[in-house]
């Protein structure tokens, strides 16, 4: 795990508007800042896709504390 991700204690979660239980979650800090350079290409693409589809496929993201 990269240093940027090891400091992430929260996740930014995009819930699907149409499929209950489906969501995309990415690590972030307490303010919702996502360390893009530390993400894998697959997770980065999922995050950017979810962000582009807010209001159409996904709800506005929520910041949740990781355990």
C-alpha atoms as a PDB file:
ATOM      1  CA  UNK A   1       0.000   0.000   0.000  1.00  0.00           C
ATOM      2  CA  UNK A   2       1.347   3.425  -0.853  1.00  0.00           C
ATOM      3  CA  UNK A   3       2.029   6.049   1.775  1.00  0.00           C
ATOM      4  CA  UNK A   4      -0.840   8.251   0.545  1.00  0.00           C
ATOM      5  CA  UNK A   5      -3.355   5.430   0.962  1.00  0.00           C
ATOM      6  CA  UNK A   6      -2.043   4.385   4.379  1.00  0.00           C
ATOM      7  CA  UNK A   7      -3.133   7.775   5.769  1.00  0.00           C
ATOM      8  CA  UNK A   8      -6.680   7.365   4.442  1.00  0.00           C
ATOM      9  CA  UNK A   9      -9.055   6.689   7.287  1.00  0.00           C
ATOM     10  CA  UNK A  10     -12.247   7.360   5.361  1.00  0.00           C
ATOM     11  CA  UNK A  11     -13.847   6.344   2.100  1.00  0.00           C
ATOM     12  CA  UNK A  12     -15.880   8.250  -0.430  1.00  0.00           C
ATOM     13  CA  UNK A  13     -18.897   6.074  -1.265  1.00  0.00           C
ATOM     14  CA  UNK A  14     -21.094   6.456  -4.350  1.00  0.00           C
ATOM     15  CA  UNK A  15     -24.339   4.449  -3.924  1.00  0.00           C
ATOM     16  CA  UNK A  16     -26.167   3.276  -7.038  1.00  0.00           C
ATOM     17  CA  UNK A  17     -29.526   4.989  -7.559  1.00  0.00           C
ATOM     18  CA  UNK A  18     -31.065   1.938  -9.211  1.00  0.00           C
ATOM     19  CA  UNK A  19     -29.357  -1.164  -7.819  1.00  0.00           C
ATOM     20  CA  UNK A  20     -29.535  -1.450  -4.016  1.00  0.00           C
ATOM     21  CA  UNK A  21     -26.271  -2.640  -2.527  1.00  0.00           C
ATOM     22  CA  UNK A  22     -24.194  -1.558  -5.520  1.00  0.00           C
ATOM     23  CA  UNK A  23     -21.657   1.160  -4.769  1.00  0.00           C
ATOM     24  CA  UNK A  24     -18.187   2.393  -5.584  1.00  0.00           C
ATOM     25  CA  UNK A  25     -15.970   3.260  -2.621  1.00  0.00           C
ATOM     26  CA  UNK A  26     -12.548   4.874  -2.789  1.00  0.00           C
ATOM     27  CA  UNK A  27     -10.152   5.811   0.019  1.00  0.00           C
ATOM     28  CA  UNK A  28     -10.080   9.469   1.032  1.00  0.00           C
ATOM     29  CA  UNK A  29      -9.249  11.727   3.935  1.00  0.00           C
ATOM     30  CA  UNK A  30     -11.748  13.195   6.399  1.00  0.00           C
ATOM     31  CA  UNK A  31     -12.578  16.030   3.985  1.00  0.00           C
ATOM     32  CA  UNK A  32     -13.241  13.739   1.011  1.00  0.00           C
ATOM     33  CA  UNK A  33      -9.970  14.367  -0.832  1.00  0.00           C
ATOM     34  CA  UNK A  34      -9.031  11.301  -2.908  1.00  0.00           C
ATOM     35  CA  UNK A  35      -5.302  10.601  -3.558  1.00  0.00           C
ATOM     36  CA  UNK A  36      -5.670   9.931  -7.304  1.00  0.00           C
ATOM     37  CA  UNK A  37      -1.992   9.157  -7.850  1.00  0.00           C
ATOM     38  CA  UNK A  38      -2.142   6.387  -5.232  1.00  0.00           C
ATOM     39  CA  UNK A  39      -5.132   4.578  -6.779  1.00  0.00           C
ATOM     40  CA  UNK A  40      -4.853   1.643  -9.143  1.00  0.00           C
ATOM     41  CA  UNK A  41      -5.898   2.366 -12.733  1.00  0.00           C
ATOM     42  CA  UNK A  42      -9.043   0.267 -12.283  1.00  0.00           C
ATOM     43  CA  UNK A  43     -10.130   2.066  -9.104  1.00  0.00           C
ATOM     44  CA  UNK A  44      -9.235   5.466 -10.568  1.00  0.00           C
ATOM     45  CA  UNK A  45     -11.398   4.754 -13.636  1.00  0.00           C
ATOM     46  CA  UNK A  46     -14.285   3.546 -11.457  1.00  0.00           C
ATOM     47  CA  UNK A  47     -14.032   6.679  -9.291  1.00  0.00           C
ATOM     48  CA  UNK A  48     -13.916   9.062 -12.237  1.00  0.00           C
ATOM     49  CA  UNK A  49     -16.815   7.233 -13.898  1.00  0.00           C
ATOM     50  CA  UNK A  50     -18.952   7.363 -10.757  1.00  0.00           C
ATOM     51  CA  UNK A  51     -18.150  11.044 -10.293  1.00  0.00           C
ATOM     52  CA  UNK A  52     -19.262  11.754 -13.873  1.00  0.00           C
ATOM     53  CA  UNK A  53     -22.527   9.849 -13.354  1.00  0.00           C
ATOM     54  CA  UNK A  54     -23.653  11.493 -10.094  1.00  0.00           C
ATOM     55  CA  UNK A  55     -27.355  12.206 -10.385  1.00  0.00           C
ATOM     56  CA  UNK A  56     -27.827   9.779 -13.284  1.00  0.00           C
ATOM     57  CA  UNK A  57     -26.485   6.440 -12.017  1.00  0.00           C
ATOM     58  CA  UNK A  58     -25.015   7.249  -8.593  1.00  0.00           C
ATOM     59  CA  UNK A  59     -26.106   9.345  -5.623  1.00  0.00           C
ATOM     60  CA  UNK A  60     -23.942  12.187  -4.352  1.00  0.00           C
ATOM     61  CA  UNK A  61     -21.028  10.608  -2.510  1.00  0.00           C
ATOM     62  CA  UNK A  62     -20.898  10.282   1.249  1.00  0.00           C
ATOM     63  CA  UNK A  63     -17.746  10.315   3.355  1.00  0.00           C
ATOM     64  CA  UNK A  64     -17.693   7.299   5.683  1.00  0.00           C
ATOM     65  CA  UNK A  65     -15.180   6.400   8.356  1.00  0.00           C
ATOM     66  CA  UNK A  66     -13.181   3.207   7.738  1.00  0.00           C
ATOM     67  CA  UNK A  67     -12.632   0.764  10.574  1.00  0.00           C
END
